């Protein structure tokens, strides 16, 4: 994990993404520094279309209330789109110690 990091609005969680693996997949994850716990929230393929060097960094970012994150991705059709992921279930479960 060493890409685009940002803290949640309550400063408890770090949201980041990984470098692509050998198959071209990047993982979006939450990290709780206090518990040293990582939660993978998604894995997306980021292909480079033939004949060009089109890149799409995920740039994960938080909603103001900390319940959702959004990312940029080209995993569905090769064109950049914004996706919203609800992370409130993950963060609430960890807060309760589950």
PDB file of N, CA and C in Angstrom:
ATOM      1  N   UNK A   1       0.853  -1.167   0.000  1.00  0.00           N
ATOM      2  CA  UNK A   1       0.000   0.000   0.000  1.00  0.00           C
ATOM      3  C   UNK A   1       0.894   1.223   0.000  1.00  0.00           C
ATOM      4  N   UNK A   2       0.826   1.941  -1.072  1.00  0.00           N
ATOM      5  CA  UNK A   2       1.712   3.096  -1.182  1.00  0.00           C
ATOM      6  C   UNK A   2       1.264   3.963  -2.343  1.00  0.00           C
ATOM      7  N   UNK A   3       0.024   4.265  -2.402  1.00  0.00           N
ATOM      8  CA  UNK A   3      -0.471   5.007  -3.546  1.00  0.00           C
ATOM      9  C   UNK A   3      -1.088   6.338  -3.125  1.00  0.00           C
ATOM     10  N   UNK A   4      -2.385   6.414  -3.139  1.00  0.00           N
ATOM     11  CA  UNK A   4      -3.110   7.641  -2.845  1.00  0.00           C
ATOM     12  C   UNK A   4      -3.826   7.481  -1.508  1.00  0.00           C
ATOM     13  N   UNK A   5      -3.197   7.914  -0.457  1.00  0.00           N
ATOM     14  CA  UNK A   5      -3.735   7.718   0.891  1.00  0.00           C
ATOM     15  C   UNK A   5      -4.519   8.935   1.356  1.00  0.00           C
ATOM     16  N   UNK A   6      -5.611   8.672   2.087  1.00  0.00           N
ATOM     17  CA  UNK A   6      -6.332   9.762   2.738  1.00  0.00           C
ATOM     18  C   UNK A   6      -6.973   9.232   4.013  1.00  0.00           C
ATOM     19  N   UNK A   7      -7.063  10.106   5.009  1.00  0.00           N
ATOM     20  CA  UNK A   7      -7.681   9.744   6.274  1.00  0.00           C
ATOM     21  C   UNK A   7      -9.184   9.974   6.203  1.00  0.00           C
ATOM     22  N   UNK A   8      -9.919   9.132   6.929  1.00  0.00           N
ATOM     23  CA  UNK A   8     -11.367   9.303   7.045  1.00  0.00           C
ATOM     24  C   UNK A   8     -11.654  10.606   7.785  1.00  0.00           C
ATOM     25  N   UNK A   9     -12.875  11.131   7.638  1.00  0.00           N
ATOM     26  CA  UNK A   9     -13.204  12.382   8.332  1.00  0.00           C
ATOM     27  C   UNK A   9     -12.983  12.318   9.841  1.00  0.00           C
ATOM     28  N   UNK A  10     -13.167  11.136  10.454  1.00  0.00           N
ATOM     29  CA  UNK A  10     -12.929  11.016  11.896  1.00  0.00           C
ATOM     30  C   UNK A  10     -11.467  10.694  12.226  1.00  0.00           C
ATOM     31  N   UNK A  11     -10.624  10.623  11.198  1.00  0.00           N
ATOM     32  CA  UNK A  11      -9.175  10.385  11.309  1.00  0.00           C
ATOM     33  C   UNK A  11      -8.829   8.987  11.825  1.00  0.00           C
ATOM     34  N   UNK A  12      -9.780   8.049  11.817  1.00  0.00           N
ATOM     35  CA  UNK A  12      -9.522   6.700  12.306  1.00  0.00           C
ATOM     36  C   UNK A  12      -8.983   5.777  11.223  1.00  0.00           C
ATOM     37  N   UNK A  13      -9.441   5.935  10.005  1.00  0.00           N
ATOM     38  CA  UNK A  13      -9.142   5.007   8.917  1.00  0.00           C
ATOM     39  C   UNK A  13      -8.271   5.661   7.858  1.00  0.00           C
ATOM     40  N   UNK A  14      -7.432   4.860   7.253  1.00  0.00           N
ATOM     41  CA  UNK A  14      -6.690   5.299   6.068  1.00  0.00           C
ATOM     42  C   UNK A  14      -7.287   4.558   4.883  1.00  0.00           C
ATOM     43  N   UNK A  15      -7.618   5.290   3.851  1.00  0.00           N
ATOM     44  CA  UNK A  15      -8.123   4.734   2.602  1.00  0.00           C
ATOM     45  C   UNK A  15      -7.007   4.826   1.582  1.00  0.00           C
ATOM     46  N   UNK A  16      -6.724   3.717   0.913  1.00  0.00           N
ATOM     47  CA  UNK A  16      -5.651   3.732  -0.074  1.00  0.00           C
ATOM     48  C   UNK A  16      -5.880   2.644  -1.117  1.00  0.00           C
ATOM     49  N   UNK A  17      -5.002   2.575  -2.071  1.00  0.00           N
ATOM     50  CA  UNK A  17      -5.036   1.534  -3.086  1.00  0.00           C
ATOM     51  C   UNK A  17      -3.626   1.002  -3.274  1.00  0.00           C
ATOM     52  N   UNK A  18      -3.526  -0.168  -3.866  1.00  0.00           N
ATOM     53  CA  UNK A  18      -2.225  -0.801  -4.077  1.00  0.00           C
ATOM     54  C   UNK A  18      -1.747  -0.576  -5.507  1.00  0.00           C
ATOM     55  N   UNK A  19      -0.483  -0.845  -5.725  1.00  0.00           N
ATOM     56  CA  UNK A  19       0.028  -0.893  -7.087  1.00  0.00           C
ATOM     57  C   UNK A  19      -0.594  -2.091  -7.787  1.00  0.00           C
ATOM     58  N   UNK A  20      -0.668  -2.087  -9.108  1.00  0.00           N
ATOM     59  CA  UNK A  20      -1.225  -3.247  -9.805  1.00  0.00           C
ATOM     60  C   UNK A  20      -0.387  -4.497  -9.545  1.00  0.00           C
ATOM     61  N   UNK A  21      -1.089  -5.633  -9.398  1.00  0.00           N
ATOM     62  CA  UNK A  21      -0.371  -6.903  -9.276  1.00  0.00           C
ATOM     63  C   UNK A  21      -0.006  -7.396 -10.683  1.00  0.00           C
ATOM     64  N   UNK A  22       0.535  -8.600 -10.783  1.00  0.00           N
ATOM     65  CA  UNK A  22       0.985  -9.107 -12.088  1.00  0.00           C
ATOM     66  C   UNK A  22      -0.167  -9.290 -13.073  1.00  0.00           C
ATOM     67  N   UNK A  23      -1.402  -9.411 -12.576  1.00  0.00           N
ATOM     68  CA  UNK A  23      -2.566  -9.529 -13.452  1.00  0.00           C
ATOM     69  C   UNK A  23      -3.220  -8.199 -13.771  1.00  0.00           C
ATOM     70  N   UNK A  24      -2.657  -7.098 -13.267  1.00  0.00           N
ATOM     71  CA  UNK A  24      -3.208  -5.775 -13.537  1.00  0.00           C
ATOM     72  C   UNK A  24      -4.319  -5.356 -12.584  1.00  0.00           C
ATOM     73  N   UNK A  25      -4.487  -6.063 -11.460  1.00  0.00           N
ATOM     74  CA  UNK A  25      -5.526  -5.735 -10.492  1.00  0.00           C
ATOM     75  C   UNK A  25      -4.970  -4.848  -9.387  1.00  0.00           C
ATOM     76  N   UNK A  26      -5.772  -3.876  -8.995  1.00  0.00           N
ATOM     77  CA  UNK A  26      -5.444  -2.999  -7.865  1.00  0.00           C
ATOM     78  C   UNK A  26      -6.486  -3.211  -6.782  1.00  0.00           C
ATOM     79  N   UNK A  27      -6.044  -3.191  -5.551  1.00  0.00           N
ATOM     80  CA  UNK A  27      -6.939  -3.409  -4.416  1.00  0.00           C
ATOM     81  C   UNK A  27      -7.176  -2.097  -3.692  1.00  0.00           C
ATOM     82  N   UNK A  28      -8.451  -1.813  -3.405  1.00  0.00           N
ATOM     83  CA  UNK A  28      -8.818  -0.678  -2.575  1.00  0.00           C
ATOM     84  C   UNK A  28      -8.962  -1.222  -1.167  1.00  0.00           C
ATOM     85  N   UNK A  29      -8.403  -0.498  -0.211  1.00  0.00           N
ATOM     86  CA  UNK A  29      -8.449  -1.026   1.143  1.00  0.00           C
ATOM     87  C   UNK A  29      -8.571   0.070   2.180  1.00  0.00           C
ATOM     88  N   UNK A  30      -9.071  -0.352   3.325  1.00  0.00           N
ATOM     89  CA  UNK A  30      -9.099   0.483   4.522  1.00  0.00           C
ATOM     90  C   UNK A  30      -8.057  -0.076   5.476  1.00  0.00           C
ATOM     91  N   UNK A  31      -7.407   0.807   6.201  1.00  0.00           N
ATOM     92  CA  UNK A  31      -6.429   0.385   7.195  1.00  0.00           C
ATOM     93  C   UNK A  31      -6.714   1.113   8.490  1.00  0.00           C
ATOM     94  N   UNK A  32      -6.795   0.354   9.570  1.00  0.00           N
ATOM     95  CA  UNK A  32      -6.995   0.908  10.909  1.00  0.00           C
ATOM     96  C   UNK A  32      -5.631   0.907  11.605  1.00  0.00           C
ATOM     97  N   UNK A  33      -4.946   2.053  11.672  1.00  0.00           N
ATOM     98  CA  UNK A  33      -3.612   2.087  12.271  1.00  0.00           C
ATOM     99  C   UNK A  33      -3.605   1.682  13.746  1.00  0.00           C
ATOM    100  N   UNK A  34      -4.669   1.989  14.486  1.00  0.00           N
ATOM    101  CA  UNK A  34      -4.707   1.659  15.909  1.00  0.00           C
ATOM    102  C   UNK A  34      -4.699   0.145  16.130  1.00  0.00           C
ATOM    103  N   UNK A  35      -5.380  -0.594  15.277  1.00  0.00           N
ATOM    104  CA  UNK A  35      -5.452  -2.054  15.407  1.00  0.00           C
ATOM    105  C   UNK A  35      -4.537  -2.775  14.422  1.00  0.00           C
ATOM    106  N   UNK A  36      -3.864  -1.993  13.574  1.00  0.00           N
ATOM    107  CA  UNK A  36      -3.008  -2.549  12.519  1.00  0.00           C
ATOM    108  C   UNK A  36      -3.772  -3.599  11.718  1.00  0.00           C
ATOM    109  N   UNK A  37      -4.987  -3.217  11.308  1.00  0.00           N
ATOM    110  CA  UNK A  37      -5.861  -4.128  10.585  1.00  0.00           C
ATOM    111  C   UNK A  37      -6.182  -3.572   9.206  1.00  0.00           C
ATOM    112  N   UNK A  38      -6.053  -4.438   8.214  1.00  0.00           N
ATOM    113  CA  UNK A  38      -6.336  -4.088   6.828  1.00  0.00           C
ATOM    114  C   UNK A  38      -7.634  -4.769   6.412  1.00  0.00           C
ATOM    115  N   UNK A  39      -8.476  -4.013   5.702  1.00  0.00           N
ATOM    116  CA  UNK A  39      -9.718  -4.555   5.156  1.00  0.00           C
ATOM    117  C   UNK A  39      -9.745  -4.232   3.665  1.00  0.00           C
ATOM    118  N   UNK A  40      -9.708  -5.254   2.834  1.00  0.00           N
ATOM    119  CA  UNK A  40      -9.823  -5.056   1.392  1.00  0.00           C
ATOM    120  C   UNK A  40     -11.286  -4.807   1.059  1.00  0.00           C
ATOM    121  N   UNK A  41     -11.563  -3.699   0.381  1.00  0.00           N
ATOM    122  CA  UNK A  41     -12.948  -3.358   0.057  1.00  0.00           C
ATOM    123  C   UNK A  41     -13.265  -3.521  -1.418  1.00  0.00           C
ATOM    124  N   UNK A  42     -12.285  -3.824  -2.211  1.00  0.00           N
ATOM    125  CA  UNK A  42     -12.530  -4.044  -3.635  1.00  0.00           C
ATOM    126  C   UNK A  42     -11.245  -4.306  -4.379  1.00  0.00           C
ATOM    127  N   UNK A  43     -11.383  -5.035  -5.458  1.00  0.00           N
ATOM    128  CA  UNK A  43     -10.241  -5.363  -6.321  1.00  0.00           C
ATOM    129  C   UNK A  43     -10.701  -5.133  -7.753  1.00  0.00           C
ATOM    130  N   UNK A  44     -10.006  -4.262  -8.464  1.00  0.00           N
ATOM    131  CA  UNK A  44     -10.451  -3.852  -9.791  1.00  0.00           C
ATOM    132  C   UNK A  44      -9.320  -3.972 -10.799  1.00  0.00           C
ATOM    133  N   UNK A  45      -9.683  -4.428 -11.985  1.00  0.00           N
ATOM    134  CA  UNK A  45      -8.712  -4.553 -13.061  1.00  0.00           C
ATOM    135  C   UNK A  45      -8.577  -3.206 -13.738  1.00  0.00           C
ATOM    136  N   UNK A  46      -7.349  -2.800 -13.979  1.00  0.00           N
ATOM    137  CA  UNK A  46      -7.090  -1.519 -14.638  1.00  0.00           C
ATOM    138  C   UNK A  46      -6.261  -1.718 -15.886  1.00  0.00           C
ATOM    139  N   UNK A  47      -6.868  -2.256 -16.937  1.00  0.00           N
ATOM    140  CA  UNK A  47      -6.097  -2.568 -18.143  1.00  0.00           C
ATOM    141  C   UNK A  47      -5.620  -1.321 -18.871  1.00  0.00           C
ATOM    142  N   UNK A  48      -4.544  -1.479 -19.599  1.00  0.00           N
ATOM    143  CA  UNK A  48      -4.090  -0.443 -20.518  1.00  0.00           C
ATOM    144  C   UNK A  48      -4.604  -0.838 -21.891  1.00  0.00           C
ATOM    145  N   UNK A  49      -5.547  -0.064 -22.462  1.00  0.00           N
ATOM    146  CA  UNK A  49      -6.100  -0.442 -23.760  1.00  0.00           C
ATOM    147  C   UNK A  49      -5.024  -0.530 -24.831  1.00  0.00           C
ATOM    148  N   UNK A  50      -5.183  -1.430 -25.807  1.00  0.00           N
ATOM    149  CA  UNK A  50      -4.193  -1.565 -26.876  1.00  0.00           C
ATOM    150  C   UNK A  50      -4.058  -0.271 -27.666  1.00  0.00           C
ATOM    151  N   UNK A  51      -2.842  -0.002 -28.098  1.00  0.00           N
ATOM    152  CA  UNK A  51      -2.594   1.155 -28.947  1.00  0.00           C
ATOM    153  C   UNK A  51      -2.474   2.470 -28.201  1.00  0.00           C
ATOM    154  N   UNK A  52      -2.368   2.429 -26.913  1.00  0.00           N
ATOM    155  CA  UNK A  52      -2.250   3.687 -26.186  1.00  0.00           C
ATOM    156  C   UNK A  52      -1.865   3.468 -24.749  1.00  0.00           C
ATOM    157  N   UNK A  53      -1.508   4.549 -24.147  1.00  0.00           N
ATOM    158  CA  UNK A  53      -1.130   4.478 -22.751  1.00  0.00           C
ATOM    159  C   UNK A  53      -2.132   5.286 -21.948  1.00  0.00           C
ATOM    160  N   UNK A  54      -3.284   4.702 -21.750  1.00  0.00           N
ATOM    161  CA  UNK A  54      -4.328   5.340 -20.954  1.00  0.00           C
ATOM    162  C   UNK A  54      -4.229   4.776 -19.554  1.00  0.00           C
ATOM    163  N   UNK A  55      -4.091   5.633 -18.598  1.00  0.00           N
ATOM    164  CA  UNK A  55      -3.986   5.186 -17.213  1.00  0.00           C
ATOM    165  C   UNK A  55      -5.130   5.768 -16.426  1.00  0.00           C
ATOM    166  N   UNK A  56      -5.485   5.054 -15.403  1.00  0.00           N
ATOM    167  CA  UNK A  56      -6.541   5.533 -14.519  1.00  0.00           C
ATOM    168  C   UNK A  56      -6.166   5.170 -13.099  1.00  0.00           C
ATOM    169  N   UNK A  57      -5.542   6.093 -12.407  1.00  0.00           N
ATOM    170  CA  UNK A  57      -5.282   5.876 -10.991  1.00  0.00           C
ATOM    171  C   UNK A  57      -6.617   5.950 -10.263  1.00  0.00           C
ATOM    172  N   UNK A  58      -6.742   5.165  -9.225  1.00  0.00           N
ATOM    173  CA  UNK A  58      -8.034   5.031  -8.547  1.00  0.00           C
ATOM    174  C   UNK A  58      -8.427   6.245  -7.723  1.00  0.00           C
ATOM    175  N   UNK A  59      -7.452   6.961  -7.188  1.00  0.00           N
ATOM    176  CA  UNK A  59      -7.716   8.156  -6.390  1.00  0.00           C
ATOM    177  C   UNK A  59      -8.878   7.967  -5.422  1.00  0.00           C
ATOM    178  N   UNK A  60      -8.793   6.991  -4.519  1.00  0.00           N
ATOM    179  CA  UNK A  60      -9.903   6.784  -3.586  1.00  0.00           C
ATOM    180  C   UNK A  60     -10.064   7.985  -2.658  1.00  0.00           C
ATOM    181  N   UNK A  61     -11.314   8.342  -2.402  1.00  0.00           N
ATOM    182  CA  UNK A  61     -11.584   9.498  -1.532  1.00  0.00           C
ATOM    183  C   UNK A  61     -12.869   9.265  -0.748  1.00  0.00           C
ATOM    184  N   UNK A  62     -12.965   9.948   0.384  1.00  0.00           N
ATOM    185  CA  UNK A  62     -14.053   9.770   1.346  1.00  0.00           C
ATOM    186  C   UNK A  62     -15.215  10.714   1.079  1.00  0.00           C
ATOM    187  N   UNK A  63     -16.423  10.258   1.441  1.00  0.00           N
ATOM    188  CA  UNK A  63     -17.556  11.173   1.533  1.00  0.00           C
ATOM    189  C   UNK A  63     -17.380  11.974   2.826  1.00  0.00           C
ATOM    190  N   UNK A  64     -18.049  13.065   2.934  1.00  0.00           N
ATOM    191  CA  UNK A  64     -17.893  13.917   4.118  1.00  0.00           C
ATOM    192  C   UNK A  64     -18.317  13.230   5.405  1.00  0.00           C
ATOM    193  N   UNK A  65     -19.295  12.315   5.307  1.00  0.00           N
ATOM    194  CA  UNK A  65     -19.760  11.643   6.523  1.00  0.00           C
ATOM    195  C   UNK A  65     -18.973  10.371   6.837  1.00  0.00           C
ATOM    196  N   UNK A  66     -18.041   9.974   5.972  1.00  0.00           N
ATOM    197  CA  UNK A  66     -17.198   8.816   6.215  1.00  0.00           C
ATOM    198  C   UNK A  66     -17.872   7.474   5.996  1.00  0.00           C
ATOM    199  N   UNK A  67     -19.070   7.467   5.429  1.00  0.00           N
ATOM    200  CA  UNK A  67     -19.795   6.214   5.207  1.00  0.00           C
ATOM    201  C   UNK A  67     -19.527   5.614   3.828  1.00  0.00           C
ATOM    202  N   UNK A  68     -19.040   6.421   2.903  1.00  0.00           N
ATOM    203  CA  UNK A  68     -18.795   5.951   1.543  1.00  0.00           C
ATOM    204  C   UNK A  68     -17.436   6.435   1.050  1.00  0.00           C
ATOM    205  N   UNK A  69     -16.920   5.719   0.064  1.00  0.00           N
ATOM    206  CA  UNK A  69     -15.722   6.165  -0.643  1.00  0.00           C
ATOM    207  C   UNK A  69     -16.031   6.109  -2.137  1.00  0.00           C
ATOM    208  N   UNK A  70     -15.329   6.897  -2.890  1.00  0.00           N
ATOM    209  CA  UNK A  70     -15.483   6.796  -4.335  1.00  0.00           C
ATOM    210  C   UNK A  70     -14.105   6.602  -4.956  1.00  0.00           C
ATOM    211  N   UNK A  71     -14.128   5.971  -6.109  1.00  0.00           N
ATOM    212  CA  UNK A  71     -12.895   5.701  -6.847  1.00  0.00           C
ATOM    213  C   UNK A  71     -13.127   6.000  -8.319  1.00  0.00           C
ATOM    214  N   UNK A  72     -12.051   6.230  -9.038  1.00  0.00           N
ATOM    215  CA  UNK A  72     -12.076   6.283 -10.494  1.00  0.00           C
ATOM    216  C   UNK A  72     -11.644   4.909 -10.972  1.00  0.00           C
ATOM    217  N   UNK A  73     -12.247   4.418 -12.040  1.00  0.00           N
ATOM    218  CA  UNK A  73     -11.834   3.120 -12.567  1.00  0.00           C
ATOM    219  C   UNK A  73     -12.240   2.998 -14.032  1.00  0.00           C
ATOM    220  N   UNK A  74     -11.516   2.135 -14.745  1.00  0.00           N
ATOM    221  CA  UNK A  74     -11.849   1.822 -16.136  1.00  0.00           C
ATOM    222  C   UNK A  74     -12.131   0.325 -16.291  1.00  0.00           C
ATOM    223  N   UNK A  75     -12.429  -0.354 -15.182  1.00  0.00           N
ATOM    224  CA  UNK A  75     -12.534  -1.818 -15.192  1.00  0.00           C
ATOM    225  C   UNK A  75     -13.727  -2.350 -15.979  1.00  0.00           C
ATOM    226  N   UNK A  76     -14.780  -1.574 -16.187  1.00  0.00           N
ATOM    227  CA  UNK A  76     -15.954  -2.103 -16.873  1.00  0.00           C
ATOM    228  C   UNK A  76     -15.891  -1.978 -18.393  1.00  0.00           C
ATOM    229  N   UNK A  77     -15.513  -0.816 -18.881  1.00  0.00           N
ATOM    230  CA  UNK A  77     -15.573  -0.624 -20.330  1.00  0.00           C
ATOM    231  C   UNK A  77     -14.369   0.118 -20.908  1.00  0.00           C
ATOM    232  N   UNK A  78     -13.326   0.250 -20.107  1.00  0.00           N
ATOM    233  CA  UNK A  78     -12.130   0.924 -20.607  1.00  0.00           C
ATOM    234  C   UNK A  78     -12.208   2.432 -20.573  1.00  0.00           C
ATOM    235  N   UNK A  79     -13.336   2.976 -20.122  1.00  0.00           N
ATOM    236  CA  UNK A  79     -13.477   4.429 -19.991  1.00  0.00           C
ATOM    237  C   UNK A  79     -13.598   4.784 -18.519  1.00  0.00           C
ATOM    238  N   UNK A  80     -13.021   5.902 -18.168  1.00  0.00           N
ATOM    239  CA  UNK A  80     -13.020   6.344 -16.769  1.00  0.00           C
ATOM    240  C   UNK A  80     -14.441   6.609 -16.284  1.00  0.00           C
ATOM    241  N   UNK A  81     -14.751   6.007 -15.140  1.00  0.00           N
ATOM    242  CA  UNK A  81     -16.025   6.238 -14.483  1.00  0.00           C
ATOM    243  C   UNK A  81     -15.770   6.376 -12.984  1.00  0.00           C
ATOM    244  N   UNK A  82     -16.713   6.970 -12.275  1.00  0.00           N
ATOM    245  CA  UNK A  82     -16.616   7.120 -10.835  1.00  0.00           C
ATOM    246  C   UNK A  82     -17.561   6.102 -10.197  1.00  0.00           C
ATOM    247  N   UNK A  83     -17.060   5.391  -9.199  1.00  0.00           N
ATOM    248  CA  UNK A  83     -17.830   4.376  -8.489  1.00  0.00           C
ATOM    249  C   UNK A  83     -17.884   4.744  -7.017  1.00  0.00           C
ATOM    250  N   UNK A  84     -19.029   4.514  -6.399  1.00  0.00           N
ATOM    251  CA  UNK A  84     -19.217   4.796  -4.978  1.00  0.00           C
ATOM    252  C   UNK A  84     -19.376   3.464  -4.247  1.00  0.00           C
ATOM    253  N   UNK A  85     -18.594   3.283  -3.183  1.00  0.00           N
ATOM    254  CA  UNK A  85     -18.625   2.066  -2.378  1.00  0.00           C
ATOM    255  C   UNK A  85     -19.043   2.421  -0.961  1.00  0.00           C
ATOM    256  N   UNK A  86     -20.032   1.721  -0.439  1.00  0.00           N
ATOM    257  CA  UNK A  86     -20.475   1.936   0.933  1.00  0.00           C
ATOM    258  C   UNK A  86     -19.551   1.139   1.857  1.00  0.00           C
ATOM    259  N   UNK A  87     -18.835   1.815   2.733  1.00  0.00           N
ATOM    260  CA  UNK A  87     -17.902   1.146   3.652  1.00  0.00           C
ATOM    261  C   UNK A  87     -18.397   1.173   5.094  1.00  0.00           C
ATOM    262  N   UNK A  88     -19.593   1.677   5.306  1.00  0.00           N
ATOM    263  CA  UNK A  88     -20.096   1.828   6.678  1.00  0.00           C
ATOM    264  C   UNK A  88     -20.221   0.483   7.386  1.00  0.00           C
ATOM    265  N   UNK A  89     -20.543  -0.577   6.675  1.00  0.00           N
ATOM    266  CA  UNK A  89     -20.624  -1.901   7.293  1.00  0.00           C
ATOM    267  C   UNK A  89     -19.277  -2.379   7.794  1.00  0.00           C
ATOM    268  N   UNK A  90     -18.219  -2.134   7.017  1.00  0.00           N
ATOM    269  CA  UNK A  90     -16.870  -2.521   7.431  1.00  0.00           C
ATOM    270  C   UNK A  90     -16.427  -1.741   8.660  1.00  0.00           C
ATOM    271  N   UNK A  91     -16.568  -0.430   8.593  1.00  0.00           N
ATOM    272  CA  UNK A  91     -16.065   0.408   9.681  1.00  0.00           C
ATOM    273  C   UNK A  91     -16.854   0.187  10.965  1.00  0.00           C
ATOM    274  N   UNK A  92     -18.167  -0.032  10.859  1.00  0.00           N
ATOM    275  CA  UNK A  92     -18.986  -0.276  12.040  1.00  0.00           C
ATOM    276  C   UNK A  92     -18.637  -1.624  12.673  1.00  0.00           C
ATOM    277  N   UNK A  93     -18.402  -2.640  11.850  1.00  0.00           N
ATOM    278  CA  UNK A  93     -18.072  -3.970  12.375  1.00  0.00           C
ATOM    279  C   UNK A  93     -16.741  -3.935  13.132  1.00  0.00           C
ATOM    280  N   UNK A  94     -15.767  -3.262  12.598  1.00  0.00           N
ATOM    281  CA  UNK A  94     -14.468  -3.170  13.266  1.00  0.00           C
ATOM    282  C   UNK A  94     -14.603  -2.367  14.562  1.00  0.00           C
ATOM    283  N   UNK A  95     -15.382  -1.293  14.519  1.00  0.00           N
ATOM    284  CA  UNK A  95     -15.577  -0.485  15.727  1.00  0.00           C
ATOM    285  C   UNK A  95     -16.221  -1.318  16.847  1.00  0.00           C
ATOM    286  N   UNK A  96     -17.088  -2.280  16.463  1.00  0.00           N
ATOM    287  CA  UNK A  96     -17.728  -3.135  17.465  1.00  0.00           C
ATOM    288  C   UNK A  96     -16.849  -4.316  17.863  1.00  0.00           C
ATOM    289  N   UNK A  97     -15.717  -4.464  17.206  1.00  0.00           N
ATOM    290  CA  UNK A  97     -14.798  -5.551  17.551  1.00  0.00           C
ATOM    291  C   UNK A  97     -15.106  -6.860  16.874  1.00  0.00           C
ATOM    292  N   UNK A  98     -15.859  -6.833  15.798  1.00  0.00           N
ATOM    293  CA  UNK A  98     -16.218  -8.066  15.091  1.00  0.00           C
ATOM    294  C   UNK A  98     -15.126  -8.454  14.114  1.00  0.00           C
TER     295      UNK A  98
END
